[in-house]
PDB file of N, CA and C in Angstrom:
ATOM      1  N   MET A   1     -24.832   8.217   8.567  1.00  0.00           N
ATOM      2  CA  MET A   1     -24.541   9.587   8.106  1.00  0.00           C
ATOM      3  C   MET A   1     -23.264  10.006   8.424  1.00  0.00           C
ATOM      4  N   GLN A   2     -22.702   9.853   9.605  1.00  0.00           N
ATOM      5  CA  GLN A   2     -21.267  10.425   9.992  1.00  0.00           C
ATOM      6  C   GLN A   2     -20.368   9.700   8.941  1.00  0.00           C
ATOM      7  N   THR A   3     -20.504   8.384   8.689  1.00  0.00           N
ATOM      8  CA  THR A   3     -19.698   7.679   7.825  1.00  0.00           C
ATOM      9  C   THR A   3     -19.555   8.302   6.525  1.00  0.00           C
ATOM     10  N   GLU A   4     -20.826   8.664   5.981  1.00  0.00           N
ATOM     11  CA  GLU A   4     -20.702   9.285   4.625  1.00  0.00           C
ATOM     12  C   GLU A   4     -19.874  10.785   4.615  1.00  0.00           C
ATOM     13  N   ILE A   5     -20.192  11.443   5.641  1.00  0.00           N
ATOM     14  CA  ILE A   5     -19.580  12.653   5.859  1.00  0.00           C
ATOM     15  C   ILE A   5     -17.953  12.599   5.998  1.00  0.00           C
ATOM     16  N   LYS A   6     -17.408  11.434   6.665  1.00  0.00           N
ATOM     17  CA  LYS A   6     -15.956  11.128   6.691  1.00  0.00           C
ATOM     18  C   LYS A   6     -15.448  10.823   5.329  1.00  0.00           C
ATOM     19  N   GLU A   7     -16.427  10.072   4.450  1.00  0.00           N
ATOM     20  CA  GLU A   7     -15.817   9.496   3.264  1.00  0.00           C
ATOM     21  C   GLU A   7     -15.852  10.846   2.147  1.00  0.00           C
ATOM     22  N   LEU A   8     -16.691  11.598   2.321  1.00  0.00           N
ATOM     23  CA  LEU A   8     -16.864  12.911   1.610  1.00  0.00           C
ATOM     24  C   LEU A   8     -15.510  13.685   1.908  1.00  0.00           C
ATOM     25  N   GLN A   9     -15.215  13.887   3.074  1.00  0.00           N
ATOM     26  CA  GLN A   9     -14.095  14.637   3.594  1.00  0.00           C
ATOM     27  C   GLN A   9     -12.747  13.939   3.130  1.00  0.00           C
ATOM     28  N   THR A  10     -12.728  12.793   3.233  1.00  0.00           N
ATOM     29  CA  THR A  10     -11.471  11.980   2.696  1.00  0.00           C
ATOM     30  C   THR A  10     -11.463  12.094   1.248  1.00  0.00           C
ATOM     31  N   GLU A  11     -12.545  11.976   0.532  1.00  0.00           N
ATOM     32  CA  GLU A  11     -12.275  11.957  -0.925  1.00  0.00           C
ATOM     33  C   GLU A  11     -11.933  13.515  -1.382  1.00  0.00           C
ATOM     34  N   ASN A  12     -12.489  14.485  -0.647  1.00  0.00           N
ATOM     35  CA  ASN A  12     -12.142  15.770  -0.967  1.00  0.00           C
ATOM     36  C   ASN A  12     -10.620  16.318  -0.770  1.00  0.00           C
ATOM     37  N   LEU A  13     -10.239  15.615   0.413  1.00  0.00           N
ATOM     38  CA  LEU A  13      -8.778  15.914   0.731  1.00  0.00           C
ATOM     39  C   LEU A  13      -7.876  15.120  -0.219  1.00  0.00           C
ATOM     40  N   LEU A  14      -8.144  14.083  -0.619  1.00  0.00           N
ATOM     41  CA  LEU A  14      -7.293  13.170  -1.487  1.00  0.00           C
ATOM     42  C   LEU A  14      -7.376  13.859  -2.964  1.00  0.00           C
ATOM     43  N   SER A  15      -8.562  14.440  -3.454  1.00  0.00           N
ATOM     44  CA  SER A  15      -8.722  15.082  -4.682  1.00  0.00           C
ATOM     45  C   SER A  15      -7.778  16.414  -4.670  1.00  0.00           C
ATOM     46  N   GLN A  16      -7.679  17.054  -3.661  1.00  0.00           N
ATOM     47  CA  GLN A  16      -7.068  18.455  -3.399  1.00  0.00           C
ATOM     48  C   GLN A  16      -5.475  18.085  -3.579  1.00  0.00           C
ATOM     49  N   HIS A  17      -4.969  17.055  -3.218  1.00  0.00           N
ATOM     50  CA  HIS A  17      -3.508  16.826  -3.279  1.00  0.00           C
ATOM     51  C   HIS A  17      -3.216  15.643  -4.200  1.00  0.00           C
ATOM     52  N   LYS A  18      -4.109  15.431  -4.960  1.00  0.00           N
ATOM     53  CA  LYS A  18      -3.805  14.262  -6.023  1.00  0.00           C
ATOM     54  C   LYS A  18      -2.339  14.597  -6.902  1.00  0.00           C
ATOM     55  N   ASP A  19      -2.308  15.969  -7.321  1.00  0.00           N
ATOM     56  CA  ASP A  19      -0.897  16.050  -8.055  1.00  0.00           C
ATOM     57  C   ASP A  19       0.345  15.979  -7.187  1.00  0.00           C
ATOM     58  N   LYS A  20       0.114  15.955  -5.847  1.00  0.00           N
ATOM     59  CA  LYS A  20       1.338  15.990  -4.903  1.00  0.00           C
ATOM     60  C   LYS A  20       1.514  14.454  -4.668  1.00  0.00           C
ATOM     61  N   ARG A  21       0.634  13.585  -4.745  1.00  0.00           N
ATOM     62  CA  ARG A  21       0.877  12.139  -4.331  1.00  0.00           C
ATOM     63  C   ARG A  21       1.719  11.381  -5.386  1.00  0.00           C
ATOM     64  N   THR A  22       2.479  10.632  -4.811  1.00  0.00           N
ATOM     65  CA  THR A  22       3.471   9.645  -5.461  1.00  0.00           C
ATOM     66  C   THR A  22       3.015   8.268  -5.018  1.00  0.00           C
ATOM     67  N   LYS A  23       3.417   7.323  -6.061  1.00  0.00           N
ATOM     68  CA  LYS A  23       3.201   5.882  -5.565  1.00  0.00           C
ATOM     69  C   LYS A  23       4.281   5.466  -4.865  1.00  0.00           C
ATOM     70  N   CYS A  24       3.864   4.547  -3.740  1.00  0.00           N
ATOM     71  CA  CYS A  24       4.919   4.212  -2.655  1.00  0.00           C
ATOM     72  C   CYS A  24       5.242   2.624  -3.213  1.00  0.00           C
ATOM     73  N   LEU A  25       6.585   2.336  -3.410  1.00  0.00           N
ATOM     74  CA  LEU A  25       7.034   1.075  -3.609  1.00  0.00           C
ATOM     75  C   LEU A  25       7.270   0.395  -2.422  1.00  0.00           C
ATOM     76  N   VAL A  26       6.759  -0.807  -2.268  1.00  0.00           N
ATOM     77  CA  VAL A  26       7.187  -1.570  -0.985  1.00  0.00           C
ATOM     78  C   VAL A  26       8.076  -2.775  -1.534  1.00  0.00           C
ATOM     79  N   TYR A  27       9.317  -2.783  -0.902  1.00  0.00           N
ATOM     80  CA  TYR A  27      10.242  -4.123  -1.228  1.00  0.00           C
ATOM     81  C   TYR A  27      10.474  -4.897  -0.193  1.00  0.00           C
ATOM     82  N   THR A  28      10.533  -6.024  -0.369  1.00  0.00           N
ATOM     83  CA  THR A  28      10.851  -7.270   0.623  1.00  0.00           C
ATOM     84  C   THR A  28      12.290  -7.973   0.258  1.00  0.00           C
ATOM     85  N   ARG A  29      12.688  -8.518   1.152  1.00  0.00           N
ATOM     86  CA  ARG A  29      14.034  -9.241   0.944  1.00  0.00           C
ATOM     87  C   ARG A  29      13.627 -10.692   0.523  1.00  0.00           C
ATOM     88  N   VAL A  30      14.136 -11.117  -0.645  1.00  0.00           N
ATOM     89  CA  VAL A  30      13.837 -12.521  -1.128  1.00  0.00           C
ATOM     90  C   VAL A  30      15.021 -13.126  -1.370  1.00  0.00           C
ATOM     91  N   MET A  31      15.236 -14.209  -0.840  1.00  0.00           N
ATOM     92  CA  MET A  31      16.672 -15.021  -1.126  1.00  0.00           C
ATOM     93  C   MET A  31      17.856 -14.079  -1.170  1.00  0.00           C
ATOM     94  N   GLY A  32      18.034 -13.160  -0.281  1.00  0.00           N
ATOM     95  CA  GLY A  32      19.336 -12.313  -0.148  1.00  0.00           C
ATOM     96  C   GLY A  32      19.389 -11.162  -0.898  1.00  0.00           C
ATOM     97  N   TYR A  33      18.354 -10.781  -1.481  1.00  0.00           N
ATOM     98  CA  TYR A  33      18.279  -9.607  -2.262  1.00  0.00           C
ATOM     99  C   TYR A  33      16.870  -8.761  -2.215  1.00  0.00           C
ATOM    100  N   HIS A  34      16.773  -7.540  -2.488  1.00  0.00           N
ATOM    101  CA  HIS A  34      15.516  -6.967  -2.288  1.00  0.00           C
ATOM    102  C   HIS A  34      14.800  -6.897  -3.485  1.00  0.00           C
ATOM    103  N   ARG A  35      13.430  -6.958  -3.522  1.00  0.00           N
ATOM    104  CA  ARG A  35      12.758  -7.077  -4.713  1.00  0.00           C
ATOM    105  C   ARG A  35      11.359  -6.316  -4.445  1.00  0.00           C
ATOM    106  N   PRO A  36      10.898  -5.483  -5.468  1.00  0.00           N
ATOM    107  CA  PRO A  36       9.566  -4.730  -5.229  1.00  0.00           C
ATOM    108  C   PRO A  36       8.422  -5.747  -5.230  1.00  0.00           C
ATOM    109  N   VAL A  37       7.467  -5.549  -4.197  1.00  0.00           N
ATOM    110  CA  VAL A  37       6.250  -6.541  -4.074  1.00  0.00           C
ATOM    111  C   VAL A  37       5.519  -6.417  -5.363  1.00  0.00           C
ATOM    112  N   GLU A  38       5.519  -5.311  -6.047  1.00  0.00           N
ATOM    113  CA  GLU A  38       4.541  -5.252  -7.222  1.00  0.00           C
ATOM    114  C   GLU A  38       4.926  -6.236  -8.365  1.00  0.00           C
ATOM    115  N   SER A  39       6.144  -6.538  -8.197  1.00  0.00           N
ATOM    116  CA  SER A  39       6.711  -7.551  -9.430  1.00  0.00           C
ATOM    117  C   SER A  39       6.292  -8.945  -9.040  1.00  0.00           C
ATOM    118  N   PHE A  40       5.729  -9.195  -7.772  1.00  0.00           N
ATOM    119  CA  PHE A  40       5.324 -10.733  -7.521  1.00  0.00           C
ATOM    120  C   PHE A  40       4.057 -11.179  -8.319  1.00  0.00           C
ATOM    121  N   ASN A  41       4.018 -12.473  -8.431  1.00  0.00           N
ATOM    122  CA  ASN A  41       2.865 -12.915  -9.160  1.00  0.00           C
ATOM    123  C   ASN A  41       1.667 -12.896  -8.168  1.00  0.00           C
ATOM    124  N   ILE A  42       0.262 -13.406  -8.525  1.00  0.00           N
ATOM    125  CA  ILE A  42      -0.654 -13.338  -7.587  1.00  0.00           C
ATOM    126  C   ILE A  42      -0.595 -14.102  -6.390  1.00  0.00           C
ATOM    127  N   GLY A  43      -0.030 -15.325  -6.444  1.00  0.00           N
ATOM    128  CA  GLY A  43       0.172 -16.033  -5.327  1.00  0.00           C
ATOM    129  C   GLY A  43       1.097 -15.490  -4.284  1.00  0.00           C
ATOM    130  N   LYS A  44       2.142 -15.100  -4.839  1.00  0.00           N
ATOM    131  CA  LYS A  44       3.082 -14.506  -4.012  1.00  0.00           C
ATOM    132  C   LYS A  44       2.700 -13.288  -3.179  1.00  0.00           C
ATOM    133  N   LYS A  45       2.024 -12.442  -4.039  1.00  0.00           N
ATOM    134  CA  LYS A  45       1.333 -11.166  -3.403  1.00  0.00           C
ATOM    135  C   LYS A  45       0.508 -11.656  -2.287  1.00  0.00           C
ATOM    136  N   GLY A  46      -0.504 -12.642  -2.420  1.00  0.00           N
ATOM    137  CA  GLY A  46      -1.332 -13.123  -1.229  1.00  0.00           C
ATOM    138  C   GLY A  46      -0.587 -13.593  -0.226  1.00  0.00           C
ATOM    139  N   GLU A  47       0.449 -14.351  -0.337  1.00  0.00           N
ATOM    140  CA  GLU A  47       1.425 -14.903   0.645  1.00  0.00           C
ATOM    141  C   GLU A  47       2.131 -13.703   1.398  1.00  0.00           C
ATOM    142  N   HIS A  48       2.493 -12.699   0.830  1.00  0.00           N
ATOM    143  CA  HIS A  48       3.091 -11.427   1.259  1.00  0.00           C
ATOM    144  C   HIS A  48       2.075 -10.739   2.246  1.00  0.00           C
ATOM    145  N   LYS A  49       0.934 -10.661   1.932  1.00  0.00           N
ATOM    146  CA  LYS A  49      -0.188  -9.978   2.750  1.00  0.00           C
ATOM    147  C   LYS A  49      -0.341 -10.766   4.031  1.00  0.00           C
ATOM    148  N   GLN A  50      -0.217 -12.155   3.833  1.00  0.00           N
ATOM    149  CA  GLN A  50      -0.544 -12.910   5.090  1.00  0.00           C
ATOM    150  C   GLN A  50       0.670 -12.838   6.123  1.00  0.00           C
ATOM    151  N   ARG A  51       1.774 -12.567   5.673  1.00  0.00           N
ATOM    152  CA  ARG A  51       2.957 -12.642   6.632  1.00  0.00           C
ATOM    153  C   ARG A  51       2.851 -11.578   7.657  1.00  0.00           C
ATOM    154  N   THR A  52       3.547 -11.839   8.885  1.00  0.00           N
ATOM    155  CA  THR A  52       3.703 -11.090  10.008  1.00  0.00           C
ATOM    156  C   THR A  52       5.023 -10.081   9.967  1.00  0.00           C
ATOM    157  N   HIS A  53       4.716  -8.953   9.881  1.00  0.00           N
ATOM    158  CA  HIS A  53       5.760  -7.829   9.559  1.00  0.00           C
ATOM    159  C   HIS A  53       6.341  -7.455  11.140  1.00  0.00           C
ATOM    160  N   PHE A  54       7.487  -7.441  11.431  1.00  0.00           N
ATOM    161  CA  PHE A  54       8.184  -6.981  12.454  1.00  0.00           C
ATOM    162  C   PHE A  54       8.836  -5.583  12.268  1.00  0.00           C
ATOM    163  N   LYS A  55       8.926  -4.962  13.393  1.00  0.00           N
ATOM    164  CA  LYS A  55       9.641  -3.563  13.462  1.00  0.00           C
ATOM    165  C   LYS A  55      10.890  -3.844  14.477  1.00  0.00           C
ATOM    166  N   GLU A  56      11.876  -3.228  14.249  1.00  0.00           N
ATOM    167  CA  GLU A  56      13.041  -3.291  14.995  1.00  0.00           C
ATOM    168  C   GLU A  56      13.100  -2.271  16.031  1.00  0.00           C
TER     169      GLU A  56
END
């Protein structure tokens, strides 16, 4: 029951701000240059999800 309420609240919030939302592009460094992850093929995207990401 409570999960359903949270889902409805989240859906409502997202729909209210839909026009203000923009797509976030994620870049990664590949062989010395930066490249957007969305341009990767299926295998490379899967590999990217399995990587451990570090923050400085």
